[in-house]
Amino acid sequence: MTAMTITTAILGGQDPDYYAGRADAYDDHHTGTTLDTLITRLSYLIDDHPNTGYVTGYADRVWEIHREQRAITFAETELAHTFRAGAA
């Protein structure tokens, strides 16, 4: 006879609240919240939220969104400069 062990499906020993914070930041951004608003929300969470894991997850996702947007801006700027230089 075997006994079923209940465990979370989370890898790496992370707190489930960490992933809840990431998911909330993802959902907020996906529904149209701007990066500036996400950063403002993060500052409130840092000051007031009692769960460090949740805040850390939210912060990680916000900074990922920030890096993604910077990379896209850089790529589009590089493409625009390359296209313009080739047109001349």
PDB file of N, CA and C in Angstrom:
ATOM      1  N   MET A   1       0.831  -1.165   0.000  1.00  0.00           N
ATOM      2  CA  MET A   1       0.000   0.000   0.000  1.00  0.00           C
ATOM      3  C   MET A   1       0.887   1.244   0.000  1.00  0.00           C
ATOM      4  N   THR A   2       0.518   2.219  -0.795  1.00  0.00           N
ATOM      5  CA  THR A   2       1.302   3.450  -0.857  1.00  0.00           C
ATOM      6  C   THR A   2       0.522   4.596  -0.233  1.00  0.00           C
ATOM      7  N   ALA A   3       1.255   5.522   0.277  1.00  0.00           N
ATOM      8  CA  ALA A   3       0.649   6.724   0.854  1.00  0.00           C
ATOM      9  C   ALA A   3       0.980   7.910  -0.044  1.00  0.00           C
ATOM     10  N   MET A   4      -0.014   8.671  -0.370  1.00  0.00           N
ATOM     11  CA  MET A   4       0.211   9.826  -1.229  1.00  0.00           C
ATOM     12  C   MET A   4       0.765  10.982  -0.390  1.00  0.00           C
ATOM     13  N   THR A   5       1.833  11.581  -0.884  1.00  0.00           N
ATOM     14  CA  THR A   5       2.410  12.735  -0.216  1.00  0.00           C
ATOM     15  C   THR A   5       1.958  13.982  -0.942  1.00  0.00           C
ATOM     16  N   ILE A   6       1.372  14.907  -0.229  1.00  0.00           N
ATOM     17  CA  ILE A   6       0.901  16.152  -0.816  1.00  0.00           C
ATOM     18  C   ILE A   6       2.036  17.171  -0.773  1.00  0.00           C
ATOM     19  N   THR A   7       2.431  17.640  -1.908  1.00  0.00           N
ATOM     20  CA  THR A   7       3.453  18.683  -1.981  1.00  0.00           C
ATOM     21  C   THR A   7       3.041  19.684  -3.047  1.00  0.00           C
ATOM     22  N   THR A   8       3.663  20.824  -3.000  1.00  0.00           N
ATOM     23  CA  THR A   8       3.395  21.824  -4.031  1.00  0.00           C
ATOM     24  C   THR A   8       4.151  21.465  -5.296  1.00  0.00           C
ATOM     25  N   ALA A   9       3.704  21.987  -6.412  1.00  0.00           N
ATOM     26  CA  ALA A   9       4.351  21.729  -7.692  1.00  0.00           C
ATOM     27  C   ALA A   9       5.449  22.751  -7.972  1.00  0.00           C
ATOM     28  N   ILE A  10       5.866  23.465  -6.967  1.00  0.00           N
ATOM     29  CA  ILE A  10       6.866  24.520  -7.128  1.00  0.00           C
ATOM     30  C   ILE A  10       8.256  23.911  -7.033  1.00  0.00           C
ATOM     31  N   LEU A  11       9.110  24.306  -7.946  1.00  0.00           N
ATOM     32  CA  LEU A  11      10.471  23.808  -7.970  1.00  0.00           C
ATOM     33  C   LEU A  11      11.404  24.824  -7.329  1.00  0.00           C
ATOM     34  N   GLY A  12      12.511  24.390  -6.860  1.00  0.00           N
ATOM     35  CA  GLY A  12      13.529  25.287  -6.354  1.00  0.00           C
ATOM     36  C   GLY A  12      13.335  25.739  -4.919  1.00  0.00           C
ATOM     37  N   GLY A  13      12.418  25.163  -4.199  1.00  0.00           N
ATOM     38  CA  GLY A  13      12.238  25.517  -2.807  1.00  0.00           C
ATOM     39  C   GLY A  13      11.677  26.897  -2.562  1.00  0.00           C
ATOM     40  N   GLN A  14      11.067  27.504  -3.554  1.00  0.00           N
ATOM     41  CA  GLN A  14      10.505  28.844  -3.385  1.00  0.00           C
ATOM     42  C   GLN A  14       9.175  28.791  -2.648  1.00  0.00           C
ATOM     43  N   ASP A  15       8.891  29.882  -1.977  1.00  0.00           N
ATOM     44  CA  ASP A  15       7.635  30.055  -1.263  1.00  0.00           C
ATOM     45  C   ASP A  15       6.486  30.228  -2.261  1.00  0.00           C
ATOM     46  N   PRO A  16       5.357  29.587  -2.063  1.00  0.00           N
ATOM     47  CA  PRO A  16       4.221  29.763  -2.987  1.00  0.00           C
ATOM     48  C   PRO A  16       3.770  31.215  -3.093  1.00  0.00           C
ATOM     49  N   ASP A  17       3.973  31.993  -2.035  1.00  0.00           N
ATOM     50  CA  ASP A  17       3.608  33.406  -2.086  1.00  0.00           C
ATOM     51  C   ASP A  17       4.459  34.172  -3.093  1.00  0.00           C
ATOM     52  N   TYR A  18       5.696  33.734  -3.303  1.00  0.00           N
ATOM     53  CA  TYR A  18       6.564  34.340  -4.309  1.00  0.00           C
ATOM     54  C   TYR A  18       5.912  34.246  -5.688  1.00  0.00           C
ATOM     55  N   TYR A  19       5.418  33.066  -6.016  1.00  0.00           N
ATOM     56  CA  TYR A  19       4.787  32.862  -7.313  1.00  0.00           C
ATOM     57  C   TYR A  19       3.441  33.573  -7.412  1.00  0.00           C
ATOM     58  N   ALA A  20       2.759  33.721  -6.291  1.00  0.00           N
ATOM     59  CA  ALA A  20       1.509  34.490  -6.280  1.00  0.00           C
ATOM     60  C   ALA A  20       1.795  35.955  -6.593  1.00  0.00           C
ATOM     61  N   GLY A  21       2.864  36.502  -6.057  1.00  0.00           N
ATOM     62  CA  GLY A  21       3.256  37.876  -6.356  1.00  0.00           C
ATOM     63  C   GLY A  21       3.616  38.057  -7.816  1.00  0.00           C
ATOM     64  N   ARG A  22       4.370  37.102  -8.367  1.00  0.00           N
ATOM     65  CA  ARG A  22       4.716  37.159  -9.793  1.00  0.00           C
ATOM     66  C   ARG A  22       3.459  37.109 -10.652  1.00  0.00           C
ATOM     67  N   ALA A  23       2.549  36.221 -10.297  1.00  0.00           N
ATOM     68  CA  ALA A  23       1.319  36.068 -11.072  1.00  0.00           C
ATOM     69  C   ALA A  23       0.479  37.340 -11.024  1.00  0.00           C
ATOM     70  N   ASP A  24       0.396  37.971  -9.870  1.00  0.00           N
ATOM     71  CA  ASP A  24      -0.375  39.200  -9.766  1.00  0.00           C
ATOM     72  C   ASP A  24       0.242  40.324 -10.596  1.00  0.00           C
ATOM     73  N   ALA A  25       1.560  40.438 -10.564  1.00  0.00           N
ATOM     74  CA  ALA A  25       2.221  41.459 -11.383  1.00  0.00           C
ATOM     75  C   ALA A  25       1.998  41.182 -12.869  1.00  0.00           C
ATOM     76  N   TYR A  26       2.080  39.916 -13.254  1.00  0.00           N
ATOM     77  CA  TYR A  26       1.829  39.540 -14.645  1.00  0.00           C
ATOM     78  C   TYR A  26       0.402  39.895 -15.046  1.00  0.00           C
ATOM     79  N   ASP A  27      -0.564  39.533 -14.197  1.00  0.00           N
ATOM     80  CA  ASP A  27      -1.968  39.822 -14.499  1.00  0.00           C
ATOM     81  C   ASP A  27      -2.217  41.324 -14.580  1.00  0.00           C
ATOM     82  N   ASP A  28      -1.646  42.078 -13.648  1.00  0.00           N
ATOM     83  CA  ASP A  28      -1.823  43.534 -13.673  1.00  0.00           C
ATOM     84  C   ASP A  28      -1.297  44.116 -14.988  1.00  0.00           C
ATOM     85  N   HIS A  29      -0.118  43.679 -15.387  1.00  0.00           N
ATOM     86  CA  HIS A  29       0.467  44.199 -16.632  1.00  0.00           C
ATOM     87  C   HIS A  29      -0.325  43.732 -17.855  1.00  0.00           C
ATOM     88  N   HIS A  30      -0.749  42.493 -17.821  1.00  0.00           N
ATOM     89  CA  HIS A  30      -1.477  41.907 -18.950  1.00  0.00           C
ATOM     90  C   HIS A  30      -2.828  42.602 -19.177  1.00  0.00           C
ATOM     91  N   THR A  31      -3.415  43.140 -18.117  1.00  0.00           N
ATOM     92  CA  THR A  31      -4.701  43.824 -18.249  1.00  0.00           C
ATOM     93  C   THR A  31      -4.543  45.302 -18.581  1.00  0.00           C
ATOM     94  N   GLY A  32      -3.311  45.743 -18.831  1.00  0.00           N
ATOM     95  CA  GLY A  32      -3.106  47.107 -19.305  1.00  0.00           C
ATOM     96  C   GLY A  32      -2.492  48.080 -18.334  1.00  0.00           C
ATOM     97  N   THR A  33      -2.098  47.632 -17.168  1.00  0.00           N
ATOM     98  CA  THR A  33      -1.461  48.528 -16.211  1.00  0.00           C
ATOM     99  C   THR A  33      -0.078  48.895 -16.718  1.00  0.00           C
ATOM    100  N   THR A  34       0.238  50.192 -16.696  1.00  0.00           N
ATOM    101  CA  THR A  34       1.528  50.651 -17.208  1.00  0.00           C
ATOM    102  C   THR A  34       2.654  50.293 -16.245  1.00  0.00           C
ATOM    103  N   LEU A  35       3.865  50.322 -16.757  1.00  0.00           N
ATOM    104  CA  LEU A  35       5.030  50.022 -15.935  1.00  0.00           C
ATOM    105  C   LEU A  35       5.167  51.028 -14.794  1.00  0.00           C
ATOM    106  N   ASP A  36       4.905  52.290 -15.059  1.00  0.00           N
ATOM    107  CA  ASP A  36       4.987  53.299 -13.996  1.00  0.00           C
ATOM    108  C   ASP A  36       4.019  52.987 -12.856  1.00  0.00           C
ATOM    109  N   THR A  37       2.820  52.567 -13.195  1.00  0.00           N
ATOM    110  CA  THR A  37       1.839  52.215 -12.171  1.00  0.00           C
ATOM    111  C   THR A  37       2.277  50.971 -11.412  1.00  0.00           C
ATOM    112  N   LEU A  38       2.841  49.994 -12.107  1.00  0.00           N
ATOM    113  CA  LEU A  38       3.335  48.792 -11.433  1.00  0.00           C
ATOM    114  C   LEU A  38       4.440  49.144 -10.445  1.00  0.00           C
ATOM    115  N   ILE A  39       5.324  50.050 -10.819  1.00  0.00           N
ATOM    116  CA  ILE A  39       6.405  50.455  -9.926  1.00  0.00           C
ATOM    117  C   ILE A  39       5.841  51.186  -8.710  1.00  0.00           C
ATOM    118  N   THR A  40       4.825  52.015  -8.922  1.00  0.00           N
ATOM    119  CA  THR A  40       4.189  52.694  -7.801  1.00  0.00           C
ATOM    120  C   THR A  40       3.537  51.687  -6.861  1.00  0.00           C
ATOM    121  N   ARG A  41       2.828  50.711  -7.426  1.00  0.00           N
ATOM    122  CA  ARG A  41       2.211  49.673  -6.599  1.00  0.00           C
ATOM    123  C   ARG A  41       3.263  48.900  -5.824  1.00  0.00           C
ATOM    124  N   LEU A  42       4.380  48.630  -6.485  1.00  0.00           N
ATOM    125  CA  LEU A  42       5.460  47.908  -5.830  1.00  0.00           C
ATOM    126  C   LEU A  42       5.996  48.695  -4.639  1.00  0.00           C
ATOM    127  N   SER A  43       6.119  49.999  -4.788  1.00  0.00           N
ATOM    128  CA  SER A  43       6.629  50.798  -3.667  1.00  0.00           C
ATOM    129  C   SER A  43       5.672  50.724  -2.473  1.00  0.00           C
ATOM    130  N   TYR A  44       4.371  50.712  -2.739  1.00  0.00           N
ATOM    131  CA  TYR A  44       3.407  50.549  -1.647  1.00  0.00           C
ATOM    132  C   TYR A  44       3.505  49.158  -1.034  1.00  0.00           C
ATOM    133  N   LEU A  45       3.672  48.149  -1.870  1.00  0.00           N
ATOM    134  CA  LEU A  45       3.792  46.791  -1.353  1.00  0.00           C
ATOM    135  C   LEU A  45       5.025  46.648  -0.469  1.00  0.00           C
ATOM    136  N   ILE A  46       6.126  47.241  -0.901  1.00  0.00           N
ATOM    137  CA  ILE A  46       7.360  47.153  -0.115  1.00  0.00           C
ATOM    138  C   ILE A  46       7.151  47.753   1.269  1.00  0.00           C
ATOM    139  N   ASP A  47       6.445  48.868   1.319  1.00  0.00           N
ATOM    140  CA  ASP A  47       6.228  49.542   2.602  1.00  0.00           C
ATOM    141  C   ASP A  47       5.189  48.850   3.477  1.00  0.00           C
ATOM    142  N   ASP A  48       4.133  48.298   2.883  1.00  0.00           N
ATOM    143  CA  ASP A  48       2.972  47.893   3.672  1.00  0.00           C
ATOM    144  C   ASP A  48       2.631  46.402   3.685  1.00  0.00           C
ATOM    145  N   HIS A  49       3.094  45.634   2.726  1.00  0.00           N
ATOM    146  CA  HIS A  49       2.656  44.231   2.640  1.00  0.00           C
ATOM    147  C   HIS A  49       3.410  43.375   3.652  1.00  0.00           C
ATOM    148  N   PRO A  50       2.704  42.540   4.402  1.00  0.00           N
ATOM    149  CA  PRO A  50       3.368  41.747   5.444  1.00  0.00           C
ATOM    150  C   PRO A  50       4.113  40.515   4.930  1.00  0.00           C
ATOM    151  N   ASN A  51       3.898  40.121   3.677  1.00  0.00           N
ATOM    152  CA  ASN A  51       4.480  38.887   3.175  1.00  0.00           C
ATOM    153  C   ASN A  51       5.657  39.203   2.250  1.00  0.00           C
ATOM    154  N   THR A  52       6.860  38.941   2.736  1.00  0.00           N
ATOM    155  CA  THR A  52       8.067  39.245   1.974  1.00  0.00           C
ATOM    156  C   THR A  52       8.156  38.429   0.691  1.00  0.00           C
ATOM    157  N   GLY A  53       7.750  37.181   0.730  1.00  0.00           N
ATOM    158  CA  GLY A  53       7.794  36.339  -0.465  1.00  0.00           C
ATOM    159  C   GLY A  53       6.927  36.903  -1.578  1.00  0.00           C
ATOM    160  N   TYR A  54       5.737  37.339  -1.238  1.00  0.00           N
ATOM    161  CA  TYR A  54       4.825  37.916  -2.219  1.00  0.00           C
ATOM    162  C   TYR A  54       5.435  39.174  -2.843  1.00  0.00           C
ATOM    163  N   VAL A  55       5.973  40.032  -2.005  1.00  0.00           N
ATOM    164  CA  VAL A  55       6.563  41.285  -2.494  1.00  0.00           C
ATOM    165  C   VAL A  55       7.774  40.998  -3.381  1.00  0.00           C
ATOM    166  N   THR A  56       8.575  40.035  -3.001  1.00  0.00           N
ATOM    167  CA  THR A  56       9.746  39.677  -3.801  1.00  0.00           C
ATOM    168  C   THR A  56       9.324  39.158  -5.175  1.00  0.00           C
ATOM    169  N   GLY A  57       8.305  38.320  -5.222  1.00  0.00           N
ATOM    170  CA  GLY A  57       7.807  37.817  -6.502  1.00  0.00           C
ATOM    171  C   GLY A  57       7.245  38.925  -7.367  1.00  0.00           C
ATOM    172  N   TYR A  58       6.480  39.825  -6.772  1.00  0.00           N
ATOM    173  CA  TYR A  58       5.906  40.949  -7.508  1.00  0.00           C
ATOM    174  C   TYR A  58       7.040  41.811  -8.065  1.00  0.00           C
ATOM    175  N   ALA A  59       8.038  42.084  -7.242  1.00  0.00           N
ATOM    176  CA  ALA A  59       9.166  42.915  -7.664  1.00  0.00           C
ATOM    177  C   ALA A  59       9.940  42.256  -8.800  1.00  0.00           C
ATOM    178  N   ASP A  60      10.187  40.959  -8.698  1.00  0.00           N
ATOM    179  CA  ASP A  60      10.922  40.265  -9.761  1.00  0.00           C
ATOM    180  C   ASP A  60      10.211  40.387 -11.099  1.00  0.00           C
ATOM    181  N   ARG A  61       8.900  40.205 -11.103  1.00  0.00           N
ATOM    182  CA  ARG A  61       8.157  40.297 -12.362  1.00  0.00           C
ATOM    183  C   ARG A  61       8.126  41.723 -12.896  1.00  0.00           C
ATOM    184  N   VAL A  62       7.996  42.710 -12.000  1.00  0.00           N
ATOM    185  CA  VAL A  62       7.996  44.114 -12.448  1.00  0.00           C
ATOM    186  C   VAL A  62       9.335  44.453 -13.095  1.00  0.00           C
ATOM    187  N   TRP A  63      10.436  44.019 -12.478  1.00  0.00           N
ATOM    188  CA  TRP A  63      11.745  44.324 -13.066  1.00  0.00           C
ATOM    189  C   TRP A  63      11.961  43.553 -14.363  1.00  0.00           C
ATOM    190  N   GLU A  64      11.404  42.369 -14.502  1.00  0.00           N
ATOM    191  CA  GLU A  64      11.472  41.651 -15.778  1.00  0.00           C
ATOM    192  C   GLU A  64      10.722  42.415 -16.863  1.00  0.00           C
ATOM    193  N   ILE A  65       9.556  42.929 -16.532  1.00  0.00           N
ATOM    194  CA  ILE A  65       8.780  43.720 -17.495  1.00  0.00           C
ATOM    195  C   ILE A  65       9.582  44.951 -17.896  1.00  0.00           C
ATOM    196  N   HIS A  66      10.213  45.584 -16.930  1.00  0.00           N
ATOM    197  CA  HIS A  66      11.038  46.761 -17.210  1.00  0.00           C
ATOM    198  C   HIS A  66      12.173  46.414 -18.177  1.00  0.00           C
ATOM    199  N   ARG A  67      12.868  45.311 -17.918  1.00  0.00           N
ATOM    200  CA  ARG A  67      13.960  44.894 -18.810  1.00  0.00           C
ATOM    201  C   ARG A  67      13.445  44.519 -20.194  1.00  0.00           C
ATOM    202  N   GLU A  68      12.291  43.855 -20.262  1.00  0.00           N
ATOM    203  CA  GLU A  68      11.707  43.500 -21.558  1.00  0.00           C
ATOM    204  C   GLU A  68      11.403  44.750 -22.377  1.00  0.00           C
ATOM    205  N   GLN A  69      10.803  45.752 -21.742  1.00  0.00           N
ATOM    206  CA  GLN A  69      10.452  46.975 -22.464  1.00  0.00           C
ATOM    207  C   GLN A  69      11.700  47.729 -22.905  1.00  0.00           C
ATOM    208  N   ARG A  70      12.734  47.736 -22.071  1.00  0.00           N
ATOM    209  CA  ARG A  70      13.988  48.387 -22.471  1.00  0.00           C
ATOM    210  C   ARG A  70      14.626  47.662 -23.646  1.00  0.00           C
ATOM    211  N   ALA A  71      14.600  46.339 -23.645  1.00  0.00           N
ATOM    212  CA  ALA A  71      15.185  45.569 -24.742  1.00  0.00           C
ATOM    213  C   ALA A  71      14.429  45.817 -26.049  1.00  0.00           C
ATOM    214  N   ILE A  72      13.105  45.890 -25.949  1.00  0.00           N
ATOM    215  CA  ILE A  72      12.299  46.167 -27.143  1.00  0.00           C
ATOM    216  C   ILE A  72      12.599  47.566 -27.676  1.00  0.00           C
ATOM    217  N   THR A  73      12.677  48.546 -26.782  1.00  0.00           N
ATOM    218  CA  THR A  73      12.990  49.917 -27.200  1.00  0.00           C
ATOM    219  C   THR A  73      14.357  49.973 -27.859  1.00  0.00           C
ATOM    220  N   PHE A  74      15.335  49.302 -27.275  1.00  0.00           N
ATOM    221  CA  PHE A  74      16.679  49.283 -27.848  1.00  0.00           C
ATOM    222  C   PHE A  74      16.665  48.655 -29.243  1.00  0.00           C
ATOM    223  N   ALA A  75      15.988  47.526 -29.376  1.00  0.00           N
ATOM    224  CA  ALA A  75      15.949  46.841 -30.675  1.00  0.00           C
ATOM    225  C   ALA A  75      15.252  47.692 -31.732  1.00  0.00           C
ATOM    226  N   GLU A  76      14.153  48.340 -31.364  1.00  0.00           N
ATOM    227  CA  GLU A  76      13.438  49.182 -32.320  1.00  0.00           C
ATOM    228  C   GLU A  76      14.260  50.407 -32.699  1.00  0.00           C
ATOM    229  N   THR A  77      14.971  50.979 -31.738  1.00  0.00           N
ATOM    230  CA  THR A  77      15.831  52.124 -32.027  1.00  0.00           C
ATOM    231  C   THR A  77      16.970  51.717 -32.936  1.00  0.00           C
ATOM    232  N   GLU A  78      17.582  50.584 -32.650  1.00  0.00           N
ATOM    233  CA  GLU A  78      18.670  50.087 -33.487  1.00  0.00           C
ATOM    234  C   GLU A  78      18.175  49.813 -34.907  1.00  0.00           C
ATOM    235  N   LEU A  79      17.009  49.237 -35.035  1.00  0.00           N
ATOM    236  CA  LEU A  79      16.440  48.962 -36.346  1.00  0.00           C
ATOM    237  C   LEU A  79      16.156  50.259 -37.097  1.00  0.00           C
ATOM    238  N   ALA A  80      15.629  51.251 -36.398  1.00  0.00           N
ATOM    239  CA  ALA A  80      15.329  52.525 -37.042  1.00  0.00           C
ATOM    240  C   ALA A  80      16.603  53.205 -37.535  1.00  0.00           C
ATOM    241  N   HIS A  81      17.656  53.152 -36.735  1.00  0.00           N
ATOM    242  CA  HIS A  81      18.914  53.775 -37.161  1.00  0.00           C
ATOM    243  C   HIS A  81      19.535  53.012 -38.318  1.00  0.00           C
ATOM    244  N   THR A  82      19.461  51.706 -38.294  1.00  0.00           N
ATOM    245  CA  THR A  82      20.012  50.885 -39.376  1.00  0.00           C
ATOM    246  C   THR A  82      19.236  51.125 -40.656  1.00  0.00           C
ATOM    247  N   PHE A  83      17.918  51.163 -40.565  1.00  0.00           N
ATOM    248  CA  PHE A  83      17.093  51.384 -41.737  1.00  0.00           C
ATOM    249  C   PHE A  83      17.378  52.764 -42.330  1.00  0.00           C
ATOM    250  N   ARG A  84      17.474  53.773 -41.505  1.00  0.00           N
ATOM    251  CA  ARG A  84      17.702  55.130 -41.980  1.00  0.00           C
ATOM    252  C   ARG A  84      19.078  55.244 -42.624  1.00  0.00           C
ATOM    253  N   ALA A  85      20.084  54.609 -42.016  1.00  0.00           N
ATOM    254  CA  ALA A  85      21.431  54.681 -42.573  1.00  0.00           C
ATOM    255  C   ALA A  85      21.486  53.982 -43.934  1.00  0.00           C
ATOM    256  N   GLY A  86      20.748  52.901 -44.071  1.00  0.00           N
ATOM    257  CA  GLY A  86      20.729  52.177 -45.334  1.00  0.00           C
ATOM    258  C   GLY A  86      19.955  52.918 -46.417  1.00  0.00           C
ATOM    259  N   ALA A  87      19.009  53.783 -46.040  1.00  0.00           N
ATOM    260  CA  ALA A  87      18.197  54.520 -47.009  1.00  0.00           C
ATOM    261  C   ALA A  87      18.963  55.673 -47.622  1.00  0.00           C
ATOM    262  N   ALA A  88      19.992  56.153 -46.927  1.00  0.00           N
ATOM    263  CA  ALA A  88      20.713  57.329 -47.419  1.00  0.00           C
ATOM    264  C   ALA A  88      21.686  56.986 -48.500  1.00  0.00           C
TER     265      ALA A  88
END
